[in-house]
Amino acid sequence: MPRRVRIELAGYHHVYNRAVERKYILQNISDKDKFLEILNEVSEENRGQVMNFHFSNKNTFFN
């Protein structure tokens, strides 16, 4: 059965990623650079604006 269409709501969203089993998500500087590159591309493609972000080796947050 197909998934229902998601409703897109304008507004402020808080996004949080946390590593499973306390493993590292971003292991080195190049991983962090790639994460920022992808975040920038996705926000531009979806006409979104990243207001702030934080990332460490084990989690990421952005609004």
PDB file of N, CA and C in Angstrom:
ATOM      1  N   MET A   1       0.845  -1.171   0.000  1.00  0.00           N
ATOM      2  CA  MET A   1       0.000   0.000   0.000  1.00  0.00           C
ATOM      3  C   MET A   1       0.896   1.241   0.000  1.00  0.00           C
ATOM      4  N   PRO A   2       0.641   2.187  -0.900  1.00  0.00           N
ATOM      5  CA  PRO A   2       1.478   3.389  -0.968  1.00  0.00           C
ATOM      6  C   PRO A   2       1.347   4.249   0.285  1.00  0.00           C
ATOM      7  N   ARG A   3       2.405   4.950   0.560  1.00  0.00           N
ATOM      8  CA  ARG A   3       2.401   5.853   1.706  1.00  0.00           C
ATOM      9  C   ARG A   3       1.597   7.096   1.377  1.00  0.00           C
ATOM     10  N   ARG A   4       0.935   7.648   2.368  1.00  0.00           N
ATOM     11  CA  ARG A   4       0.141   8.861   2.174  1.00  0.00           C
ATOM     12  C   ARG A   4       1.052  10.047   1.900  1.00  0.00           C
ATOM     13  N   VAL A   5       0.544  10.995   1.161  1.00  0.00           N
ATOM     14  CA  VAL A   5       1.289  12.206   0.841  1.00  0.00           C
ATOM     15  C   VAL A   5       1.520  13.004   2.115  1.00  0.00           C
ATOM     16  N   ARG A   6       2.742  13.447   2.294  1.00  0.00           N
ATOM     17  CA  ARG A   6       3.045  14.268   3.466  1.00  0.00           C
ATOM     18  C   ARG A   6       2.564  15.691   3.234  1.00  0.00           C
ATOM     19  N   ILE A   7       2.063  16.288   4.276  1.00  0.00           N
ATOM     20  CA  ILE A   7       1.645  17.687   4.211  1.00  0.00           C
ATOM     21  C   ILE A   7       2.837  18.531   4.625  1.00  0.00           C
ATOM     22  N   GLU A   8       3.205  19.467   3.782  1.00  0.00           N
ATOM     23  CA  GLU A   8       4.326  20.344   4.097  1.00  0.00           C
ATOM     24  C   GLU A   8       3.800  21.626   4.728  1.00  0.00           C
ATOM     25  N   LEU A   9       4.262  21.891   5.917  1.00  0.00           N
ATOM     26  CA  LEU A   9       3.838  23.081   6.634  1.00  0.00           C
ATOM     27  C   LEU A   9       4.986  24.070   6.720  1.00  0.00           C
ATOM     28  N   ALA A  10       4.684  25.301   6.416  1.00  0.00           N
ATOM     29  CA  ALA A  10       5.692  26.350   6.567  1.00  0.00           C
ATOM     30  C   ALA A  10       5.901  26.598   8.049  1.00  0.00           C
ATOM     31  N   GLY A  11       7.080  26.953   8.404  1.00  0.00           N
ATOM     32  CA  GLY A  11       7.333  27.262   9.801  1.00  0.00           C
ATOM     33  C   GLY A  11       8.744  26.919  10.207  1.00  0.00           C
ATOM     34  N   TYR A  12       8.946  26.887  11.478  1.00  0.00           N
ATOM     35  CA  TYR A  12      10.248  26.666  12.086  1.00  0.00           C
ATOM     36  C   TYR A  12      10.319  25.215  12.534  1.00  0.00           C
ATOM     37  N   HIS A  13      11.330  24.492  12.089  1.00  0.00           N
ATOM     38  CA  HIS A  13      11.462  23.074  12.432  1.00  0.00           C
ATOM     39  C   HIS A  13      12.814  22.823  13.089  1.00  0.00           C
ATOM     40  N   HIS A  14      12.813  21.971  14.084  1.00  0.00           N
ATOM     41  CA  HIS A  14      14.039  21.581  14.776  1.00  0.00           C
ATOM     42  C   HIS A  14      14.369  20.155  14.342  1.00  0.00           C
ATOM     43  N   VAL A  15      15.562  19.938  13.805  1.00  0.00           N
ATOM     44  CA  VAL A  15      15.967  18.621  13.315  1.00  0.00           C
ATOM     45  C   VAL A  15      17.138  18.140  14.162  1.00  0.00           C
ATOM     46  N   TYR A  16      17.056  16.889  14.594  1.00  0.00           N
ATOM     47  CA  TYR A  16      18.059  16.328  15.489  1.00  0.00           C
ATOM     48  C   TYR A  16      18.427  14.929  15.016  1.00  0.00           C
ATOM     49  N   ASN A  17      19.697  14.652  14.897  1.00  0.00           N
ATOM     50  CA  ASN A  17      20.199  13.314  14.578  1.00  0.00           C
ATOM     51  C   ASN A  17      21.097  12.866  15.713  1.00  0.00           C
ATOM     52  N   ARG A  18      20.928  11.628  16.122  1.00  0.00           N
ATOM     53  CA  ARG A  18      21.790  11.094  17.173  1.00  0.00           C
ATOM     54  C   ARG A  18      22.311   9.738  16.732  1.00  0.00           C
ATOM     55  N   ALA A  19      23.548   9.462  17.004  1.00  0.00           N
ATOM     56  CA  ALA A  19      24.178   8.209  16.603  1.00  0.00           C
ATOM     57  C   ALA A  19      23.594   7.034  17.378  1.00  0.00           C
ATOM     58  N   VAL A  20      23.516   5.905  16.715  1.00  0.00           N
ATOM     59  CA  VAL A  20      23.082   4.661  17.343  1.00  0.00           C
ATOM     60  C   VAL A  20      24.282   4.051  18.060  1.00  0.00           C
ATOM     61  N   GLU A  21      24.050   3.512  19.229  1.00  0.00           N
ATOM     62  CA  GLU A  21      25.087   2.852  20.025  1.00  0.00           C
ATOM     63  C   GLU A  21      26.296   3.753  20.287  1.00  0.00           C
ATOM     64  N   ARG A  22      26.051   5.054  20.352  1.00  0.00           N
ATOM     65  CA  ARG A  22      27.098   6.042  20.647  1.00  0.00           C
ATOM     66  C   ARG A  22      28.259   6.014  19.652  1.00  0.00           C
ATOM     67  N   LYS A  23      27.981   5.552  18.449  1.00  0.00           N
ATOM     68  CA  LYS A  23      29.005   5.561  17.401  1.00  0.00           C
ATOM     69  C   LYS A  23      29.080   6.955  16.792  1.00  0.00           C
ATOM     70  N   TYR A  24      30.190   7.259  16.164  1.00  0.00           N
ATOM     71  CA  TYR A  24      30.374   8.560  15.538  1.00  0.00           C
ATOM     72  C   TYR A  24      29.611   8.656  14.224  1.00  0.00           C
ATOM     73  N   ILE A  25      28.939   9.784  14.005  1.00  0.00           N
ATOM     74  CA  ILE A  25      28.300  10.080  12.724  1.00  0.00           C
ATOM     75  C   ILE A  25      29.324  10.773  11.833  1.00  0.00           C
ATOM     76  N   LEU A  26      29.943  11.794  12.369  1.00  0.00           N
ATOM     77  CA  LEU A  26      30.933  12.591  11.640  1.00  0.00           C
ATOM     78  C   LEU A  26      32.302  12.268  12.236  1.00  0.00           C
ATOM     79  N   GLN A  27      33.102  11.528  11.484  1.00  0.00           N
ATOM     80  CA  GLN A  27      34.341  11.000  12.048  1.00  0.00           C
ATOM     81  C   GLN A  27      35.554  11.898  11.856  1.00  0.00           C
ATOM     82  N   ASN A  28      35.490  12.794  10.872  1.00  0.00           N
ATOM     83  CA  ASN A  28      36.654  13.644  10.620  1.00  0.00           C
ATOM     84  C   ASN A  28      36.201  14.946   9.960  1.00  0.00           C
ATOM     85  N   ILE A  29      37.136  15.825   9.690  1.00  0.00           N
ATOM     86  CA  ILE A  29      36.818  17.138   9.117  1.00  0.00           C
ATOM     87  C   ILE A  29      36.150  17.007   7.754  1.00  0.00           C
ATOM     88  N   SER A  30      36.589  16.064   6.940  1.00  0.00           N
ATOM     89  CA  SER A  30      35.975  15.925   5.609  1.00  0.00           C
ATOM     90  C   SER A  30      34.520  15.475   5.715  1.00  0.00           C
ATOM     91  N   ASP A  31      34.182  14.645   6.718  1.00  0.00           N
ATOM     92  CA  ASP A  31      32.778  14.274   6.945  1.00  0.00           C
ATOM     93  C   ASP A  31      31.960  15.508   7.315  1.00  0.00           C
ATOM     94  N   LYS A  32      32.498  16.354   8.162  1.00  0.00           N
ATOM     95  CA  LYS A  32      31.799  17.574   8.580  1.00  0.00           C
ATOM     96  C   LYS A  32      31.620  18.532   7.409  1.00  0.00           C
ATOM     97  N   ASP A  33      32.660  18.659   6.582  1.00  0.00           N
ATOM     98  CA  ASP A  33      32.558  19.512   5.395  1.00  0.00           C
ATOM     99  C   ASP A  33      31.491  18.988   4.436  1.00  0.00           C
ATOM    100  N   LYS A  34      31.453  17.672   4.239  1.00  0.00           N
ATOM    101  CA  LYS A  34      30.459  17.067   3.348  1.00  0.00           C
ATOM    102  C   LYS A  34      29.055  17.258   3.911  1.00  0.00           C
ATOM    103  N   PHE A  35      28.899  17.118   5.224  1.00  0.00           N
ATOM    104  CA  PHE A  35      27.603  17.338   5.861  1.00  0.00           C
ATOM    105  C   PHE A  35      27.108  18.756   5.586  1.00  0.00           C
ATOM    106  N   LEU A  36      27.976  19.745   5.757  1.00  0.00           N
ATOM    107  CA  LEU A  36      27.592  21.138   5.504  1.00  0.00           C
ATOM    108  C   LEU A  36      27.258  21.368   4.033  1.00  0.00           C
ATOM    109  N   GLU A  37      27.991  20.739   3.142  1.00  0.00           N
ATOM    110  CA  GLU A  37      27.719  20.856   1.706  1.00  0.00           C
ATOM    111  C   GLU A  37      26.335  20.298   1.368  1.00  0.00           C
ATOM    112  N   ILE A  38      26.021  19.116   1.888  1.00  0.00           N
ATOM    113  CA  ILE A  38      24.712  18.499   1.636  1.00  0.00           C
ATOM    114  C   ILE A  38      23.605  19.327   2.268  1.00  0.00           C
ATOM    115  N   LEU A  39      23.803  19.800   3.490  1.00  0.00           N
ATOM    116  CA  LEU A  39      22.803  20.631   4.164  1.00  0.00           C
ATOM    117  C   LEU A  39      22.509  21.884   3.352  1.00  0.00           C
ATOM    118  N   ASN A  40      23.535  22.509   2.812  1.00  0.00           N
ATOM    119  CA  ASN A  40      23.363  23.701   1.987  1.00  0.00           C
ATOM    120  C   ASN A  40      22.590  23.378   0.709  1.00  0.00           C
ATOM    121  N   GLU A  41      22.947  22.292   0.031  1.00  0.00           N
ATOM    122  CA  GLU A  41      22.263  21.902  -1.206  1.00  0.00           C
ATOM    123  C   GLU A  41      20.785  21.607  -0.964  1.00  0.00           C
ATOM    124  N   VAL A  42      20.497  20.848   0.082  1.00  0.00           N
ATOM    125  CA  VAL A  42      19.110  20.473   0.380  1.00  0.00           C
ATOM    126  C   VAL A  42      18.288  21.696   0.763  1.00  0.00           C
ATOM    127  N   SER A  43      18.851  22.595   1.545  1.00  0.00           N
ATOM    128  CA  SER A  43      18.091  23.788   1.938  1.00  0.00           C
ATOM    129  C   SER A  43      17.805  24.671   0.727  1.00  0.00           C
ATOM    130  N   GLU A  44      18.752  24.771  -0.207  1.00  0.00           N
ATOM    131  CA  GLU A  44      18.513  25.554  -1.425  1.00  0.00           C
ATOM    132  C   GLU A  44      17.472  24.894  -2.323  1.00  0.00           C
ATOM    133  N   GLU A  45      17.558  23.579  -2.498  1.00  0.00           N
ATOM    134  CA  GLU A  45      16.606  22.853  -3.346  1.00  0.00           C
ATOM    135  C   GLU A  45      15.181  22.964  -2.820  1.00  0.00           C
ATOM    136  N   ASN A  46      15.042  23.009  -1.510  1.00  0.00           N
ATOM    137  CA  ASN A  46      13.716  23.045  -0.891  1.00  0.00           C
ATOM    138  C   ASN A  46      13.323  24.439  -0.434  1.00  0.00           C
ATOM    139  N   ARG A  47      14.072  25.432  -0.859  1.00  0.00           N
ATOM    140  CA  ARG A  47      13.824  26.834  -0.516  1.00  0.00           C
ATOM    141  C   ARG A  47      13.699  27.034   0.990  1.00  0.00           C
ATOM    142  N   GLY A  48      14.533  26.329   1.715  1.00  0.00           N
ATOM    143  CA  GLY A  48      14.549  26.462   3.165  1.00  0.00           C
ATOM    144  C   GLY A  48      15.706  27.322   3.612  1.00  0.00           C
ATOM    145  N   GLN A  49      15.683  27.680   4.850  1.00  0.00           N
ATOM    146  CA  GLN A  49      16.749  28.492   5.409  1.00  0.00           C
ATOM    147  C   GLN A  49      17.186  27.858   6.721  1.00  0.00           C
ATOM    148  N   VAL A  50      18.449  27.578   6.835  1.00  0.00           N
ATOM    149  CA  VAL A  50      18.987  27.047   8.083  1.00  0.00           C
ATOM    150  C   VAL A  50      19.352  28.240   8.955  1.00  0.00           C
ATOM    151  N   MET A  51      18.665  28.354  10.067  1.00  0.00           N
ATOM    152  CA  MET A  51      18.875  29.492  10.959  1.00  0.00           C
ATOM    153  C   MET A  51      20.121  29.298  11.821  1.00  0.00           C
ATOM    154  N   ASN A  52      20.320  28.085  12.308  1.00  0.00           N
ATOM    155  CA  ASN A  52      21.515  27.775  13.085  1.00  0.00           C
ATOM    156  C   ASN A  52      21.743  26.275  13.061  1.00  0.00           C
ATOM    157  N   PHE A  53      22.935  25.870  13.405  1.00  0.00           N
ATOM    158  CA  PHE A  53      23.235  24.448  13.448  1.00  0.00           C
ATOM    159  C   PHE A  53      24.349  24.187  14.452  1.00  0.00           C
ATOM    160  N   HIS A  54      24.400  22.959  14.881  1.00  0.00           N
ATOM    161  CA  HIS A  54      25.464  22.480  15.762  1.00  0.00           C
ATOM    162  C   HIS A  54      25.744  21.055  15.337  1.00  0.00           C
ATOM    163  N   PHE A  55      26.987  20.694  15.260  1.00  0.00           N
ATOM    164  CA  PHE A  55      27.287  19.291  15.068  1.00  0.00           C
ATOM    165  C   PHE A  55      28.541  18.905  15.826  1.00  0.00           C
ATOM    166  N   SER A  56      28.505  17.689  16.292  1.00  0.00           N
ATOM    167  CA  SER A  56      29.654  17.085  16.946  1.00  0.00           C
ATOM    168  C   SER A  56      29.818  15.706  16.316  1.00  0.00           C
ATOM    169  N   ASN A  57      30.726  14.921  16.822  1.00  0.00           N
ATOM    170  CA  ASN A  57      30.951  13.604  16.228  1.00  0.00           C
ATOM    171  C   ASN A  57      29.748  12.678  16.373  1.00  0.00           C
ATOM    172  N   LYS A  58      28.955  12.866  17.422  1.00  0.00           N
ATOM    173  CA  LYS A  58      27.885  11.915  17.713  1.00  0.00           C
ATOM    174  C   LYS A  58      26.475  12.439  17.483  1.00  0.00           C
ATOM    175  N   ASN A  59      26.306  13.731  17.204  1.00  0.00           N
ATOM    176  CA  ASN A  59      24.956  14.231  16.950  1.00  0.00           C
ATOM    177  C   ASN A  59      25.003  15.519  16.143  1.00  0.00           C
ATOM    178  N   THR A  60      23.855  15.826  15.542  1.00  0.00           N
ATOM    179  CA  THR A  60      23.707  17.075  14.795  1.00  0.00           C
ATOM    180  C   THR A  60      22.358  17.686  15.140  1.00  0.00           C
ATOM    181  N   PHE A  61      22.300  19.004  15.151  1.00  0.00           N
ATOM    182  CA  PHE A  61      21.059  19.746  15.360  1.00  0.00           C
ATOM    183  C   PHE A  61      21.031  20.866  14.337  1.00  0.00           C
ATOM    184  N   PHE A  62      19.887  21.137  13.779  1.00  0.00           N
ATOM    185  CA  PHE A  62      19.750  22.364  13.005  1.00  0.00           C
ATOM    186  C   PHE A  62      18.312  22.815  12.981  1.00  0.00           C
ATOM    187  N   ASN A  63      18.121  24.126  12.847  1.00  0.00           N
ATOM    188  CA  ASN A  63      16.805  24.761  12.810  1.00  0.00           C
ATOM    189  C   ASN A  63      16.712  25.577  11.553  1.00  0.00           C
TER     190      ASN A  63
END
